[in-house]
Amino acid sequence: MDGLEVLQRIKSDPRTRAIPVVVLTSSKEQNDVVESYQLGVNSYIVKPVNFESFAAAVQQLGMYWLLLNSRPNFRSKN
């Protein structure tokens, strides 16, 4: 099973549909980007080749999802 198949399964299951999915890939192919978004990906990031740049990108990604992104509280009824 490849990553797009995993994404399709996550987004097709009501129990996991709302889980944010970030694709971190080496593919710059526009077809892969389009298909990922059509399947429900929340972000598509092409990995930097250089390790230091990759580490910085992962750190920025983590900071975004943990500190800046607003997510719904599914347990709240308000």
N, C-alpha and C. Protein backbone atom coordinates (compact mmCIF):
# COMPACT_ATOMS: atom_id res chain seq x y z
N MET A 1 0.85 -1.17 0.00
CA MET A 1 0.00 0.00 0.00
C MET A 1 0.90 1.24 0.00
N ASP A 2 0.63 2.16 -0.93
CA ASP A 2 1.43 3.38 -0.96
C ASP A 2 0.76 4.48 -0.14
N GLY A 3 1.42 5.63 -0.06
CA GLY A 3 0.92 6.73 0.77
C GLY A 3 -0.44 7.25 0.34
N LEU A 4 -0.68 7.30 -0.97
CA LEU A 4 -1.98 7.79 -1.44
C LEU A 4 -3.10 6.82 -1.07
N GLU A 5 -2.80 5.54 -1.06
CA GLU A 5 -3.80 4.56 -0.63
C GLU A 5 -4.09 4.70 0.87
N VAL A 6 -3.05 4.96 1.65
CA VAL A 6 -3.24 5.19 3.09
C VAL A 6 -4.10 6.44 3.29
N LEU A 7 -3.79 7.51 2.57
CA LEU A 7 -4.57 8.74 2.65
C LEU A 7 -6.03 8.49 2.30
N GLN A 8 -6.26 7.74 1.25
CA GLN A 8 -7.63 7.44 0.83
C GLN A 8 -8.39 6.70 1.93
N ARG A 9 -7.73 5.74 2.56
CA ARG A 9 -8.39 4.99 3.64
C ARG A 9 -8.68 5.87 4.86
N ILE A 10 -7.72 6.72 5.21
CA ILE A 10 -7.92 7.61 6.36
C ILE A 10 -9.11 8.53 6.11
N LYS A 11 -9.17 9.12 4.93
CA LYS A 11 -10.20 10.11 4.64
C LYS A 11 -11.55 9.49 4.29
N SER A 12 -11.59 8.21 4.01
CA SER A 12 -12.87 7.56 3.69
C SER A 12 -13.55 6.96 4.92
N ASP A 13 -12.84 6.90 6.03
CA ASP A 13 -13.39 6.33 7.26
C ASP A 13 -13.88 7.46 8.16
N PRO A 14 -15.15 7.48 8.53
CA PRO A 14 -15.68 8.56 9.38
C PRO A 14 -14.94 8.70 10.71
N ARG A 15 -14.36 7.63 11.22
CA ARG A 15 -13.64 7.68 12.50
C ARG A 15 -12.33 8.43 12.39
N THR A 16 -11.73 8.48 11.20
CA THR A 16 -10.42 9.10 11.03
C THR A 16 -10.41 10.27 10.04
N ARG A 17 -11.55 10.56 9.46
CA ARG A 17 -11.64 11.57 8.40
C ARG A 17 -11.12 12.94 8.84
N ALA A 18 -11.36 13.34 10.08
CA ALA A 18 -10.99 14.68 10.54
C ALA A 18 -9.53 14.79 11.00
N ILE A 19 -8.81 13.69 11.02
CA ILE A 19 -7.40 13.73 11.41
C ILE A 19 -6.62 14.50 10.34
N PRO A 20 -5.88 15.55 10.73
CA PRO A 20 -5.10 16.27 9.73
C PRO A 20 -4.00 15.38 9.16
N VAL A 21 -3.83 15.43 7.86
CA VAL A 21 -2.81 14.63 7.19
C VAL A 21 -1.89 15.57 6.41
N VAL A 22 -0.61 15.45 6.68
CA VAL A 22 0.41 16.20 5.96
C VAL A 22 1.23 15.21 5.17
N VAL A 23 1.30 15.41 3.86
CA VAL A 23 2.14 14.57 3.01
C VAL A 23 3.53 15.19 2.99
N LEU A 24 4.52 14.43 3.39
CA LEU A 24 5.92 14.84 3.36
C LEU A 24 6.60 13.89 2.39
N THR A 25 6.97 14.39 1.22
CA THR A 25 7.38 13.53 0.13
C THR A 25 8.55 14.12 -0.65
N SER A 26 9.15 13.30 -1.48
CA SER A 26 10.19 13.79 -2.39
C SER A 26 9.61 14.11 -3.76
N SER A 27 8.34 13.81 -3.97
CA SER A 27 7.71 14.01 -5.28
C SER A 27 7.24 15.44 -5.48
N LYS A 28 7.70 16.04 -6.57
CA LYS A 28 7.24 17.37 -6.97
C LYS A 28 6.22 17.27 -8.11
N GLU A 29 5.84 16.04 -8.45
CA GLU A 29 4.93 15.82 -9.56
C GLU A 29 3.57 16.46 -9.30
N GLN A 30 3.11 17.30 -10.19
CA GLN A 30 1.84 17.99 -10.03
C GLN A 30 0.68 17.01 -9.90
N ASN A 31 0.77 15.87 -10.59
CA ASN A 31 -0.28 14.85 -10.48
C ASN A 31 -0.40 14.34 -9.05
N ASP A 32 0.72 14.16 -8.37
CA ASP A 32 0.71 13.70 -6.98
C ASP A 32 0.12 14.76 -6.05
N VAL A 33 0.46 16.02 -6.29
CA VAL A 33 -0.09 17.11 -5.48
C VAL A 33 -1.60 17.17 -5.65
N VAL A 34 -2.06 17.17 -6.89
CA VAL A 34 -3.50 17.26 -7.18
C VAL A 34 -4.25 16.08 -6.59
N GLU A 35 -3.73 14.86 -6.80
CA GLU A 35 -4.41 13.68 -6.28
C GLU A 35 -4.47 13.70 -4.76
N SER A 36 -3.39 14.15 -4.12
CA SER A 36 -3.38 14.22 -2.66
C SER A 36 -4.46 15.16 -2.15
N TYR A 37 -4.58 16.34 -2.75
CA TYR A 37 -5.61 17.28 -2.32
C TYR A 37 -7.01 16.77 -2.65
N GLN A 38 -7.17 16.09 -3.76
CA GLN A 38 -8.48 15.52 -4.09
C GLN A 38 -8.88 14.45 -3.09
N LEU A 39 -7.90 13.77 -2.51
CA LEU A 39 -8.18 12.73 -1.52
C LEU A 39 -8.34 13.30 -0.11
N GLY A 40 -8.08 14.61 0.07
CA GLY A 40 -8.34 15.23 1.36
C GLY A 40 -7.14 15.60 2.19
N VAL A 41 -5.94 15.60 1.60
CA VAL A 41 -4.76 15.98 2.38
C VAL A 41 -4.90 17.42 2.86
N ASN A 42 -4.32 17.72 4.01
CA ASN A 42 -4.38 19.07 4.56
C ASN A 42 -3.18 19.92 4.18
N SER A 43 -2.08 19.27 3.84
CA SER A 43 -0.89 19.99 3.41
C SER A 43 0.02 19.03 2.64
N TYR A 44 0.70 19.55 1.64
CA TYR A 44 1.61 18.75 0.80
C TYR A 44 2.95 19.45 0.81
N ILE A 45 3.96 18.79 1.36
CA ILE A 45 5.29 19.38 1.51
C ILE A 45 6.32 18.49 0.83
N VAL A 46 7.13 19.12 -0.02
CA VAL A 46 8.23 18.40 -0.67
C VAL A 46 9.45 18.52 0.24
N LYS A 47 10.00 17.36 0.60
CA LYS A 47 11.13 17.31 1.53
C LYS A 47 12.37 17.96 0.92
N PRO A 48 13.03 18.83 1.69
CA PRO A 48 14.34 19.31 1.25
C PRO A 48 15.33 18.14 1.24
N VAL A 49 16.27 18.17 0.31
CA VAL A 49 17.26 17.08 0.20
C VAL A 49 18.32 17.20 1.29
N ASN A 50 18.75 18.41 1.57
CA ASN A 50 19.78 18.66 2.57
C ASN A 50 19.22 18.38 3.97
N PHE A 51 19.97 17.65 4.80
CA PHE A 51 19.49 17.24 6.12
C PHE A 51 19.15 18.44 7.01
N GLU A 52 20.01 19.45 7.03
CA GLU A 52 19.76 20.61 7.88
C GLU A 52 18.47 21.32 7.45
N SER A 53 18.27 21.43 6.16
CA SER A 53 17.04 22.06 5.65
C SER A 53 15.82 21.20 5.97
N PHE A 54 15.99 19.89 5.88
CA PHE A 54 14.90 18.97 6.21
C PHE A 54 14.53 19.10 7.69
N ALA A 55 15.53 19.13 8.56
CA ALA A 55 15.28 19.26 10.00
C ALA A 55 14.57 20.58 10.30
N ALA A 56 14.99 21.65 9.65
CA ALA A 56 14.35 22.96 9.86
C ALA A 56 12.91 22.93 9.38
N ALA A 57 12.65 22.29 8.24
CA ALA A 57 11.29 22.20 7.70
C ALA A 57 10.39 21.42 8.65
N VAL A 58 10.88 20.32 9.19
CA VAL A 58 10.09 19.51 10.12
C VAL A 58 9.81 20.31 11.40
N GLN A 59 10.78 21.06 11.86
CA GLN A 59 10.58 21.89 13.05
C GLN A 59 9.51 22.95 12.79
N GLN A 60 9.57 23.61 11.65
CA GLN A 60 8.58 24.63 11.31
C GLN A 60 7.20 24.01 11.15
N LEU A 61 7.15 22.84 10.55
CA LEU A 61 5.89 22.12 10.39
C LEU A 61 5.28 21.79 11.75
N GLY A 62 6.09 21.30 12.65
CA GLY A 62 5.61 20.97 13.99
C GLY A 62 5.11 22.20 14.72
N MET A 63 5.82 23.30 14.61
CA MET A 63 5.41 24.54 15.26
C MET A 63 4.08 25.03 14.69
N TYR A 64 3.92 24.94 13.39
CA TYR A 64 2.66 25.36 12.77
C TYR A 64 1.48 24.55 13.32
N TRP A 65 1.58 23.22 13.27
CA TRP A 65 0.46 22.36 13.67
C TRP A 65 0.20 22.44 15.17
N LEU A 66 1.23 22.63 15.97
CA LEU A 66 1.05 22.66 17.42
C LEU A 66 0.65 24.04 17.96
N LEU A 67 1.17 25.10 17.36
CA LEU A 67 0.96 26.43 17.93
C LEU A 67 0.05 27.35 17.13
N LEU A 68 0.09 27.28 15.82
CA LEU A 68 -0.65 28.23 15.00
C LEU A 68 -1.97 27.72 14.47
N ASN A 69 -2.04 26.46 14.17
CA ASN A 69 -3.25 25.87 13.59
C ASN A 69 -4.37 25.80 14.63
N SER A 70 -5.57 26.18 14.22
CA SER A 70 -6.74 26.03 15.09
C SER A 70 -7.50 24.79 14.64
N ARG A 71 -7.78 23.94 15.59
CA ARG A 71 -8.51 22.71 15.24
C ARG A 71 -9.80 22.65 16.04
N PRO A 72 -10.78 21.98 15.51
CA PRO A 72 -12.07 21.90 16.21
C PRO A 72 -11.98 20.99 17.43
N ASN A 73 -12.83 21.26 18.41
CA ASN A 73 -12.96 20.41 19.57
C ASN A 73 -14.20 19.55 19.32
N PHE A 74 -14.01 18.35 18.87
CA PHE A 74 -15.13 17.48 18.51
C PHE A 74 -15.92 17.01 19.73
N ARG A 75 -15.34 17.13 20.89
CA ARG A 75 -16.05 16.70 22.10
C ARG A 75 -16.99 17.77 22.62
N SER A 76 -16.74 19.01 22.24
CA SER A 76 -17.58 20.12 22.68
C SER A 76 -18.86 20.17 21.87
N LYS A 77 -19.96 20.41 22.54
CA LYS A 77 -21.25 20.49 21.84
C LYS A 77 -21.61 21.93 21.52
N ASN A 78 -20.78 22.90 21.94
CA ASN A 78 -21.05 24.32 21.69
C ASN A 78 -20.41 24.76 20.43
